[in-house]
Amino acid sequence: MSILNAIIQAEAEAKNLILEAKNDQKTIIETSKIHGEEEAKKILENANLEATKIINDNKEQLKANKEANELELAKITSIVNEDADRKIEKLTDFVVGKVLEL
């Protein structure tokens, strides 16, 4: 009978070990899931911060480019206007000269 009891006890211990292993496995899975979620959250937060930084940098660059373009346009407009004024003045002088010749 003692061998039978030993077998029954060994079987019970094996079942307990299996249950403990299953519980340990569940704990490991849950811990891994929590850790994975935390890591994913950190990665997402970093990605959002980086995206915000890139957007802000692009806005600043766009503003700087716009200001530079507006300044260049003002210079070109000034040059064109001065040239047009000179041509109008020459044309006026020419017309006045022709009128005076009459």
PDB file of N, CA and C in Angstrom:
ATOM      1  N   MET A   1       0.801  -1.180   0.000  1.00  0.00           N
ATOM      2  CA  MET A   1       0.000   0.000   0.000  1.00  0.00           C
ATOM      3  C   MET A   1       0.854   1.258   0.000  1.00  0.00           C
ATOM      4  N   SER A   2       1.991   1.211   0.549  1.00  0.00           N
ATOM      5  CA  SER A   2       2.840   2.388   0.649  1.00  0.00           C
ATOM      6  C   SER A   2       3.320   2.824  -0.731  1.00  0.00           C
ATOM      7  N   ILE A   3       3.506   1.891  -1.651  1.00  0.00           N
ATOM      8  CA  ILE A   3       3.899   2.262  -3.016  1.00  0.00           C
ATOM      9  C   ILE A   3       2.743   2.982  -3.687  1.00  0.00           C
ATOM     10  N   LEU A   4       1.537   2.481  -3.482  1.00  0.00           N
ATOM     11  CA  LEU A   4       0.349   3.113  -4.051  1.00  0.00           C
ATOM     12  C   LEU A   4       0.180   4.508  -3.497  1.00  0.00           C
ATOM     13  N   ASN A   5       0.393   4.665  -2.188  1.00  0.00           N
ATOM     14  CA  ASN A   5       0.307   6.000  -1.575  1.00  0.00           C
ATOM     15  C   ASN A   5       1.378   6.930  -2.141  1.00  0.00           C
ATOM     16  N   ALA A   6       2.563   6.395  -2.338  1.00  0.00           N
ATOM     17  CA  ALA A   6       3.656   7.201  -2.896  1.00  0.00           C
ATOM     18  C   ALA A   6       3.318   7.639  -4.315  1.00  0.00           C
ATOM     19  N   ILE A   7       2.713   6.746  -5.095  1.00  0.00           N
ATOM     20  CA  ILE A   7       2.319   7.082  -6.470  1.00  0.00           C
ATOM     21  C   ILE A   7       1.228   8.142  -6.457  1.00  0.00           C
ATOM     22  N   ILE A   8       0.242   7.973  -5.585  1.00  0.00           N
ATOM     23  CA  ILE A   8      -0.856   8.947  -5.476  1.00  0.00           C
ATOM     24  C   ILE A   8      -0.316  10.306  -5.043  1.00  0.00           C
ATOM     25  N   GLN A   9       0.595  10.275  -4.072  1.00  0.00           N
ATOM     26  CA  GLN A   9       1.184  11.522  -3.589  1.00  0.00           C
ATOM     27  C   GLN A   9       2.032  12.168  -4.690  1.00  0.00           C
ATOM     28  N   ALA A  10       2.774  11.368  -5.439  1.00  0.00           N
ATOM     29  CA  ALA A  10       3.603  11.893  -6.528  1.00  0.00           C
ATOM     30  C   ALA A  10       2.719  12.501  -7.612  1.00  0.00           C
ATOM     31  N   GLU A  11       1.590  11.841  -7.885  1.00  0.00           N
ATOM     32  CA  GLU A  11       0.650  12.359  -8.877  1.00  0.00           C
ATOM     33  C   GLU A  11       0.061  13.678  -8.400  1.00  0.00           C
ATOM     34  N   ALA A  12      -0.293  13.759  -7.131  1.00  0.00           N
ATOM     35  CA  ALA A  12      -0.842  14.997  -6.570  1.00  0.00           C
ATOM     36  C   ALA A  12       0.195  16.114  -6.634  1.00  0.00           C
ATOM     37  N   GLU A  13       1.442  15.780  -6.300  1.00  0.00           N
ATOM     38  CA  GLU A  13       2.515  16.778  -6.361  1.00  0.00           C
ATOM     39  C   GLU A  13       2.746  17.235  -7.804  1.00  0.00           C
ATOM     40  N   ALA A  14       2.654  16.294  -8.748  1.00  0.00           N
ATOM     41  CA  ALA A  14       2.827  16.635 -10.160  1.00  0.00           C
ATOM     42  C   ALA A  14       1.716  17.580 -10.609  1.00  0.00           C
ATOM     43  N   LYS A  15       0.472  17.298 -10.182  1.00  0.00           N
ATOM     44  CA  LYS A  15      -0.653  18.170 -10.524  1.00  0.00           C
ATOM     45  C   LYS A  15      -0.454  19.560  -9.927  1.00  0.00           C
ATOM     46  N   ASN A  16       0.019  19.600  -8.673  1.00  0.00           N
ATOM     47  CA  ASN A  16       0.287  20.894  -8.028  1.00  0.00           C
ATOM     48  C   ASN A  16       1.374  21.661  -8.778  1.00  0.00           C
ATOM     49  N   LEU A  17       2.418  20.933  -9.190  1.00  0.00           N
ATOM     50  CA  LEU A  17       3.499  21.577  -9.950  1.00  0.00           C
ATOM     51  C   LEU A  17       2.980  22.118 -11.284  1.00  0.00           C
ATOM     52  N   ILE A  18       2.109  21.342 -11.924  1.00  0.00           N
ATOM     53  CA  ILE A  18       1.515  21.794 -13.190  1.00  0.00           C
ATOM     54  C   ILE A  18       0.687  23.057 -12.956  1.00  0.00           C
ATOM     55  N   LEU A  19      -0.129  23.074 -11.889  1.00  0.00           N
ATOM     56  CA  LEU A  19      -0.934  24.261 -11.567  1.00  0.00           C
ATOM     57  C   LEU A  19      -0.044  25.466 -11.264  1.00  0.00           C
ATOM     58  N   GLU A  20       1.026  25.231 -10.499  1.00  0.00           N
ATOM     59  CA  GLU A  20       1.962  26.319 -10.192  1.00  0.00           C
ATOM     60  C   GLU A  20       2.614  26.843 -11.470  1.00  0.00           C
ATOM     61  N   ALA A  21       2.974  25.919 -12.353  1.00  0.00           N
ATOM     62  CA  ALA A  21       3.599  26.319 -13.619  1.00  0.00           C
ATOM     63  C   ALA A  21       2.624  27.147 -14.457  1.00  0.00           C
ATOM     64  N   LYS A  22       1.346  26.713 -14.479  1.00  0.00           N
ATOM     65  CA  LYS A  22       0.335  27.474 -15.221  1.00  0.00           C
ATOM     66  C   LYS A  22       0.149  28.861 -14.615  1.00  0.00           C
ATOM     67  N   ASN A  23       0.114  28.931 -13.280  1.00  0.00           N
ATOM     68  CA  ASN A  23      -0.015  30.235 -12.614  1.00  0.00           C
ATOM     69  C   ASN A  23       1.201  31.120 -12.891  1.00  0.00           C
ATOM     70  N   ASP A  24       2.385  30.505 -12.834  1.00  0.00           N
ATOM     71  CA  ASP A  24       3.605  31.257 -13.148  1.00  0.00           C
ATOM     72  C   ASP A  24       3.566  31.757 -14.592  1.00  0.00           C
ATOM     73  N   GLN A  25       3.084  30.896 -15.479  1.00  0.00           N
ATOM     74  CA  GLN A  25       2.998  31.272 -16.891  1.00  0.00           C
ATOM     75  C   GLN A  25       2.036  32.455 -17.063  1.00  0.00           C
ATOM     76  N   LYS A  26       0.882  32.410 -16.391  1.00  0.00           N
ATOM     77  CA  LYS A  26      -0.077  33.522 -16.460  1.00  0.00           C
ATOM     78  C   LYS A  26       0.550  34.806 -15.929  1.00  0.00           C
ATOM     79  N   THR A  27       1.267  34.681 -14.810  1.00  0.00           N
ATOM     80  CA  THR A  27       1.925  35.851 -14.216  1.00  0.00           C
ATOM     81  C   THR A  27       2.957  36.435 -15.178  1.00  0.00           C
ATOM     82  N   ILE A  28       3.738  35.562 -15.790  1.00  0.00           N
ATOM     83  CA  ILE A  28       4.759  36.017 -16.745  1.00  0.00           C
ATOM     84  C   ILE A  28       4.100  36.705 -17.939  1.00  0.00           C
ATOM     85  N   ILE A  29       3.035  36.115 -18.447  1.00  0.00           N
ATOM     86  CA  ILE A  29       2.331  36.699 -19.595  1.00  0.00           C
ATOM     87  C   ILE A  29       1.763  38.069 -19.229  1.00  0.00           C
ATOM     88  N   GLU A  30       1.113  38.168 -18.072  1.00  0.00           N
ATOM     89  CA  GLU A  30       0.536  39.448 -17.652  1.00  0.00           C
ATOM     90  C   GLU A  30       1.620  40.496 -17.419  1.00  0.00           C
ATOM     91  N   THR A  31       2.709  40.079 -16.782  1.00  0.00           N
ATOM     92  CA  THR A  31       3.823  41.007 -16.544  1.00  0.00           C
ATOM     93  C   THR A  31       4.422  41.466 -17.869  1.00  0.00           C
ATOM     94  N   SER A  32       4.596  40.535 -18.792  1.00  0.00           N
ATOM     95  CA  SER A  32       5.139  40.879 -20.112  1.00  0.00           C
ATOM     96  C   SER A  32       4.199  41.823 -20.851  1.00  0.00           C
ATOM     97  N   LYS A  33       2.911  41.568 -20.743  1.00  0.00           N
ATOM     98  CA  LYS A  33       1.919  42.418 -21.402  1.00  0.00           C
ATOM     99  C   LYS A  33       1.977  43.834 -20.838  1.00  0.00           C
ATOM    100  N   ILE A  34       2.017  43.941 -19.520  1.00  0.00           N
ATOM    101  CA  ILE A  34       2.084  45.260 -18.875  1.00  0.00           C
ATOM    102  C   ILE A  34       3.361  45.981 -19.285  1.00  0.00           C
ATOM    103  N   HIS A  35       4.470  45.254 -19.244  1.00  0.00           N
ATOM    104  CA  HIS A  35       5.757  45.851 -19.629  1.00  0.00           C
ATOM    105  C   HIS A  35       5.719  46.290 -21.099  1.00  0.00           C
ATOM    106  N   GLY A  36       5.162  45.447 -21.947  1.00  0.00           N
ATOM    107  CA  GLY A  36       5.051  45.780 -23.374  1.00  0.00           C
ATOM    108  C   GLY A  36       4.187  47.005 -23.601  1.00  0.00           C
ATOM    109  N   GLU A  37       3.074  47.102 -22.873  1.00  0.00           N
ATOM    110  CA  GLU A  37       2.197  48.268 -22.998  1.00  0.00           C
ATOM    111  C   GLU A  37       2.905  49.536 -22.537  1.00  0.00           C
ATOM    112  N   GLU A  38       3.663  49.417 -21.444  1.00  0.00           N
ATOM    113  CA  GLU A  38       4.403  50.581 -20.943  1.00  0.00           C
ATOM    114  C   GLU A  38       5.454  51.026 -21.956  1.00  0.00           C
ATOM    115  N   GLU A  39       6.160  50.069 -22.538  1.00  0.00           N
ATOM    116  CA  GLU A  39       7.178  50.397 -23.541  1.00  0.00           C
ATOM    117  C   GLU A  39       6.531  51.016 -24.778  1.00  0.00           C
ATOM    118  N   ALA A  40       5.404  50.440 -25.202  1.00  0.00           N
ATOM    119  CA  ALA A  40       4.700  50.977 -26.369  1.00  0.00           C
ATOM    120  C   ALA A  40       4.231  52.406 -26.096  1.00  0.00           C
ATOM    121  N   LYS A  41       3.755  52.649 -24.878  1.00  0.00           N
ATOM    122  CA  LYS A  41       3.302  53.995 -24.510  1.00  0.00           C
ATOM    123  C   LYS A  41       4.474  54.982 -24.551  1.00  0.00           C
ATOM    124  N   LYS A  42       5.628  54.564 -24.033  1.00  0.00           N
ATOM    125  CA  LYS A  42       6.819  55.434 -24.065  1.00  0.00           C
ATOM    126  C   LYS A  42       7.230  55.737 -25.501  1.00  0.00           C
ATOM    127  N   ILE A  43       7.227  54.705 -26.331  1.00  0.00           N
ATOM    128  CA  ILE A  43       7.609  54.890 -27.737  1.00  0.00           C
ATOM    129  C   ILE A  43       6.642  55.854 -28.420  1.00  0.00           C
ATOM    130  N   LEU A  44       5.351  55.687 -28.169  1.00  0.00           N
ATOM    131  CA  LEU A  44       4.345  56.566 -28.765  1.00  0.00           C
ATOM    132  C   LEU A  44       4.508  58.001 -28.277  1.00  0.00           C
ATOM    133  N   GLU A  45       4.764  58.177 -26.989  1.00  0.00           N
ATOM    134  CA  GLU A  45       4.976  59.523 -26.453  1.00  0.00           C
ATOM    135  C   GLU A  45       6.197  60.171 -27.097  1.00  0.00           C
ATOM    136  N   ASN A  46       7.278  59.411 -27.228  1.00  0.00           N
ATOM    137  CA  ASN A  46       8.488  59.939 -27.871  1.00  0.00           C
ATOM    138  C   ASN A  46       8.226  60.292 -29.331  1.00  0.00           C
ATOM    139  N   ALA A  47       7.471  59.448 -30.011  1.00  0.00           N
ATOM    140  CA  ALA A  47       7.139  59.720 -31.412  1.00  0.00           C
ATOM    141  C   ALA A  47       6.307  60.995 -31.524  1.00  0.00           C
ATOM    142  N   ASN A  48       5.354  61.170 -30.607  1.00  0.00           N
ATOM    143  CA  ASN A  48       4.531  62.384 -30.618  1.00  0.00           C
ATOM    144  C   ASN A  48       5.373  63.623 -30.347  1.00  0.00           C
ATOM    145  N   LEU A  49       6.296  63.524 -29.397  1.00  0.00           N
ATOM    146  CA  LEU A  49       7.179  64.659 -29.104  1.00  0.00           C
ATOM    147  C   LEU A  49       8.051  64.993 -30.309  1.00  0.00           C
ATOM    148  N   GLU A  50       8.585  63.974 -30.938  1.00  0.00           N
ATOM    149  CA  GLU A  50       9.442  64.188 -32.116  1.00  0.00           C
ATOM    150  C   GLU A  50       8.633  64.796 -33.264  1.00  0.00           C
ATOM    151  N   ALA A  51       7.419  64.296 -33.460  1.00  0.00           N
ATOM    152  CA  ALA A  51       6.565  64.843 -34.520  1.00  0.00           C
ATOM    153  C   ALA A  51       6.240  66.308 -34.249  1.00  0.00           C
ATOM    154  N   THR A  52       5.941  66.638 -32.996  1.00  0.00           N
ATOM    155  CA  THR A  52       5.654  68.025 -32.627  1.00  0.00           C
ATOM    156  C   THR A  52       6.871  68.902 -32.867  1.00  0.00           C
ATOM    157  N   LYS A  53       8.035  68.390 -32.518  1.00  0.00           N
ATOM    158  CA  LYS A  53       9.280  69.150 -32.734  1.00  0.00           C
ATOM    159  C   LYS A  53       9.498  69.403 -34.224  1.00  0.00           C
ATOM    160  N   ILE A  54       9.303  68.378 -35.040  1.00  0.00           N
ATOM    161  CA  ILE A  54       9.480  68.521 -36.487  1.00  0.00           C
ATOM    162  C   ILE A  54       8.483  69.529 -37.046  1.00  0.00           C
ATOM    163  N   ILE A  55       7.238  69.456 -36.596  1.00  0.00           N
ATOM    164  CA  ILE A  55       6.214  70.398 -37.063  1.00  0.00           C
ATOM    165  C   ILE A  55       6.600  71.821 -36.694  1.00  0.00           C
ATOM    166  N   ASN A  56       7.038  72.029 -35.459  1.00  0.00           N
ATOM    167  CA  ASN A  56       7.432  73.373 -35.024  1.00  0.00           C
ATOM    168  C   ASN A  56       8.647  73.872 -35.793  1.00  0.00           C
ATOM    169  N   ASP A  57       9.621  72.994 -36.018  1.00  0.00           N
ATOM    170  CA  ASP A  57      10.799  73.376 -36.804  1.00  0.00           C
ATOM    171  C   ASP A  57      10.394  73.772 -38.220  1.00  0.00           C
ATOM    172  N   ASN A  58       9.480  73.002 -38.805  1.00  0.00           N
ATOM    173  CA  ASN A  58       9.018  73.306 -40.160  1.00  0.00           C
ATOM    174  C   ASN A  58       8.258  74.627 -40.202  1.00  0.00           C
ATOM    175  N   LYS A  59       7.465  74.904 -39.166  1.00  0.00           N
ATOM    176  CA  LYS A  59       6.750  76.183 -39.107  1.00  0.00           C
ATOM    177  C   LYS A  59       7.734  77.340 -39.043  1.00  0.00           C
ATOM    178  N   GLU A  60       8.775  77.189 -38.226  1.00  0.00           N
ATOM    179  CA  GLU A  60       9.782  78.241 -38.108  1.00  0.00           C
ATOM    180  C   GLU A  60      10.514  78.433 -39.431  1.00  0.00           C
ATOM    181  N   GLN A  61      10.855  77.344 -40.091  1.00  0.00           N
ATOM    182  CA  GLN A  61      11.549  77.431 -41.383  1.00  0.00           C
ATOM    183  C   GLN A  61      10.644  78.071 -42.427  1.00  0.00           C
ATOM    184  N   LEU A  62       9.377  77.704 -42.420  1.00  0.00           N
ATOM    185  CA  LEU A  62       8.418  78.285 -43.353  1.00  0.00           C
ATOM    186  C   LEU A  62       8.297  79.788 -43.125  1.00  0.00           C
ATOM    187  N   LYS A  63       8.232  80.197 -41.870  1.00  0.00           N
ATOM    188  CA  LYS A  63       8.141  81.621 -41.541  1.00  0.00           C
ATOM    189  C   LYS A  63       9.393  82.359 -42.017  1.00  0.00           C
ATOM    190  N   ALA A  64      10.561  81.769 -41.772  1.00  0.00           N
ATOM    191  CA  ALA A  64      11.815  82.394 -42.199  1.00  0.00           C
ATOM    192  C   ALA A  64      11.872  82.496 -43.725  1.00  0.00           C
ATOM    193  N   ASN A  65      11.457  81.442 -44.412  1.00  0.00           N
ATOM    194  CA  ASN A  65      11.446  81.466 -45.878  1.00  0.00           C
ATOM    195  C   ASN A  65      10.472  82.516 -46.402  1.00  0.00           C
ATOM    196  N   LYS A  66       9.310  82.618 -45.770  1.00  0.00           N
ATOM    197  CA  LYS A  66       8.308  83.606 -46.187  1.00  0.00           C
ATOM    198  C   LYS A  66       8.863  85.014 -46.021  1.00  0.00           C
ATOM    199  N   GLU A  67       9.503  85.276 -44.876  1.00  0.00           N
ATOM    200  CA  GLU A  67      10.070  86.601 -44.641  1.00  0.00           C
ATOM    201  C   GLU A  67      11.165  86.914 -45.653  1.00  0.00           C
ATOM    202  N   ALA A  68      12.014  85.926 -45.937  1.00  0.00           N
ATOM    203  CA  ALA A  68      13.087  86.126 -46.918  1.00  0.00           C
ATOM    204  C   ALA A  68      12.504  86.380 -48.306  1.00  0.00           C
ATOM    205  N   ASN A  69      11.468  85.641 -48.669  1.00  0.00           N
ATOM    206  CA  ASN A  69      10.833  85.824 -49.976  1.00  0.00           C
ATOM    207  C   ASN A  69      10.155  87.184 -50.078  1.00  0.00           C
ATOM    208  N   GLU A  70       9.506  87.613 -48.993  1.00  0.00           N
ATOM    209  CA  GLU A  70       8.861  88.928 -48.995  1.00  0.00           C
ATOM    210  C   GLU A  70       9.897  90.037 -49.146  1.00  0.00           C
ATOM    211  N   LEU A  71      11.034  89.890 -48.482  1.00  0.00           N
ATOM    212  CA  LEU A  71      12.108  90.877 -48.594  1.00  0.00           C
ATOM    213  C   LEU A  71      12.655  90.906 -50.021  1.00  0.00           C
ATOM    214  N   GLU A  72      12.873  89.745 -50.596  1.00  0.00           N
ATOM    215  CA  GLU A  72      13.376  89.668 -51.973  1.00  0.00           C
ATOM    216  C   GLU A  72      12.365  90.263 -52.943  1.00  0.00           C
ATOM    217  N   LEU A  73      11.086  89.982 -52.728  1.00  0.00           N
ATOM    218  CA  LEU A  73      10.039  90.545 -53.579  1.00  0.00           C
ATOM    219  C   LEU A  73      10.011  92.061 -53.470  1.00  0.00           C
ATOM    220  N   ALA A  74      10.181  92.581 -52.267  1.00  0.00           N
ATOM    221  CA  ALA A  74      10.206  94.035 -52.074  1.00  0.00           C
ATOM    222  C   ALA A  74      11.387  94.649 -52.820  1.00  0.00           C
ATOM    223  N   LYS A  75      12.546  94.003 -52.767  1.00  0.00           N
ATOM    224  CA  LYS A  75      13.724  94.505 -53.492  1.00  0.00           C
ATOM    225  C   LYS A  75      13.468  94.517 -54.996  1.00  0.00           C
ATOM    226  N   ILE A  76      12.943  93.414 -55.505  1.00  0.00           N
ATOM    227  CA  ILE A  76      12.679  93.314 -56.944  1.00  0.00           C
ATOM    228  C   ILE A  76      11.633  94.338 -57.363  1.00  0.00           C
ATOM    229  N   THR A  77      10.587  94.493 -56.566  1.00  0.00           N
ATOM    230  CA  THR A  77       9.544  95.476 -56.865  1.00  0.00           C
ATOM    231  C   THR A  77      10.135  96.877 -56.910  1.00  0.00           C
ATOM    232  N   SER A  78      11.000  97.181 -55.977  1.00  0.00           N
ATOM    233  CA  SER A  78      11.648  98.493 -55.938  1.00  0.00           C
ATOM    234  C   SER A  78      12.494  98.717 -57.190  1.00  0.00           C
ATOM    235  N   ILE A  79      13.252  97.707 -57.579  1.00  0.00           N
ATOM    236  CA  ILE A  79      14.090  97.816 -58.781  1.00  0.00           C
ATOM    237  C   ILE A  79      13.221  98.021 -60.019  1.00  0.00           C
ATOM    238  N   VAL A  80      12.148  97.243 -60.131  1.00  0.00           N
ATOM    239  CA  VAL A  80      11.243  97.363 -61.281  1.00  0.00           C
ATOM    240  C   VAL A  80      10.606  98.748 -61.307  1.00  0.00           C
ATOM    241  N   ASN A  81      10.155  99.223 -60.155  1.00  0.00           N
ATOM    242  CA  ASN A  81       9.522 100.549 -60.099  1.00  0.00           C
ATOM    243  C   ASN A  81      10.508 101.647 -60.466  1.00  0.00           C
ATOM    244  N   GLU A  82      11.734 101.564 -59.971  1.00  0.00           N
ATOM    245  CA  GLU A  82      12.753 102.564 -60.303  1.00  0.00           C
ATOM    246  C   GLU A  82      13.040 102.549 -61.795  1.00  0.00           C
ATOM    247  N   ASP A  83      13.157 101.351 -62.360  1.00  0.00           N
ATOM    248  CA  ASP A  83      13.419 101.231 -63.790  1.00  0.00           C
ATOM    249  C   ASP A  83      12.252 101.801 -64.593  1.00  0.00           C
ATOM    250  N   ALA A  84      11.035 101.496 -64.168  1.00  0.00           N
ATOM    251  CA  ALA A  84       9.853 102.015 -64.856  1.00  0.00           C
ATOM    252  C   ALA A  84       9.812 103.535 -64.762  1.00  0.00           C
ATOM    253  N   ASP A  85      10.135 104.076 -63.587  1.00  0.00           N
ATOM    254  CA  ASP A  85      10.153 105.537 -63.419  1.00  0.00           C
ATOM    255  C   ASP A  85      11.174 106.173 -64.357  1.00  0.00           C
ATOM    256  N   ARG A  86      12.357 105.576 -64.491  1.00  0.00           N
ATOM    257  CA  ARG A  86      13.398 106.114 -65.385  1.00  0.00           C
ATOM    258  C   ARG A  86      12.929 106.077 -66.838  1.00  0.00           C
ATOM    259  N   LYS A  87      12.298 104.980 -67.213  1.00  0.00           N
ATOM    260  CA  LYS A  87      11.824 104.862 -68.597  1.00  0.00           C
ATOM    261  C   LYS A  87      10.713 105.869 -68.877  1.00  0.00           C
ATOM    262  N   ILE A  88       9.824 106.051 -67.915  1.00  0.00           N
ATOM    263  CA  ILE A  88       8.752 107.044 -68.087  1.00  0.00           C
ATOM    264  C   ILE A  88       9.349 108.441 -68.192  1.00  0.00           C
ATOM    265  N   GLU A  89      10.344 108.716 -67.359  1.00  0.00           N
ATOM    266  CA  GLU A  89      11.005 110.028 -67.393  1.00  0.00           C
ATOM    267  C   GLU A  89      11.679 110.252 -68.745  1.00  0.00           C
ATOM    268  N   LYS A  90      12.379 109.242 -69.270  1.00  0.00           N
ATOM    269  CA  LYS A  90      13.032 109.358 -70.576  1.00  0.00           C
ATOM    270  C   LYS A  90      12.000 109.565 -71.677  1.00  0.00           C
ATOM    271  N   LEU A  91      10.913 108.798 -71.600  1.00  0.00           N
ATOM    272  CA  LEU A  91       9.862 108.927 -72.603  1.00  0.00           C
ATOM    273  C   LEU A  91       9.232 110.306 -72.543  1.00  0.00           C
ATOM    274  N   THR A  92       9.010 110.790 -71.329  1.00  0.00           N
ATOM    275  CA  THR A  92       8.438 112.132 -71.158  1.00  0.00           C
ATOM    276  C   THR A  92       9.386 113.179 -71.736  1.00  0.00           C
ATOM    277  N   ASP A  93      10.673 113.057 -71.428  1.00  0.00           N
ATOM    278  CA  ASP A  93      11.664 113.998 -71.967  1.00  0.00           C
ATOM    279  C   ASP A  93      11.679 113.942 -73.490  1.00  0.00           C
ATOM    280  N   PHE A  94      11.592 112.743 -74.042  1.00  0.00           N
ATOM    281  CA  PHE A  94      11.591 112.586 -75.491  1.00  0.00           C
ATOM    282  C   PHE A  94      10.377 113.272 -76.113  1.00  0.00           C
ATOM    283  N   VAL A  95       9.188 113.005 -75.520  1.00  0.00           N
ATOM    284  CA  VAL A  95       7.953 113.605 -76.042  1.00  0.00           C
ATOM    285  C   VAL A  95       8.014 115.121 -75.926  1.00  0.00           C
ATOM    286  N   VAL A  96       8.467 115.633 -74.780  1.00  0.00           N
ATOM    287  CA  VAL A  96       8.568 117.082 -74.585  1.00  0.00           C
ATOM    288  C   VAL A  96       9.549 117.661 -75.600  1.00  0.00           C
ATOM    289  N   GLY A  97      10.656 116.972 -75.817  1.00  0.00           N
ATOM    290  CA  GLY A  97      11.641 117.437 -76.807  1.00  0.00           C
ATOM    291  C   GLY A  97      11.043 117.501 -78.198  1.00  0.00           C
ATOM    292  N   LYS A  98      10.274 116.499 -78.574  1.00  0.00           N
ATOM    293  CA  LYS A  98       9.645 116.486 -79.900  1.00  0.00           C
ATOM    294  C   LYS A  98       8.602 117.587 -80.012  1.00  0.00           C
ATOM    295  N   VAL A  99       7.860 117.815 -78.941  1.00  0.00           N
ATOM    296  CA  VAL A  99       6.844 118.871 -78.953  1.00  0.00           C
ATOM    297  C   VAL A  99       7.525 120.225 -79.097  1.00  0.00           C
ATOM    298  N   LEU A 100       8.635 120.415 -78.404  1.00  0.00           N
ATOM    299  CA  LEU A 100       9.341 121.694 -78.463  1.00  0.00           C
ATOM    300  C   LEU A 100       9.962 121.915 -79.838  1.00  0.00           C
ATOM    301  N   GLU A 101      10.274 120.850 -80.534  1.00  0.00           N
ATOM    302  CA  GLU A 101      10.832 120.980 -81.876  1.00  0.00           C
ATOM    303  C   GLU A 101       9.793 121.482 -82.854  1.00  0.00           C
ATOM    304  N   LEU A 102       8.556 121.287 -82.538  1.00  0.00           N
ATOM    305  CA  LEU A 102       7.490 121.701 -83.453  1.00  0.00           C
ATOM    306  C   LEU A 102       7.332 123.151 -83.481  1.00  0.00           C
TER     307      LEU A 102
END
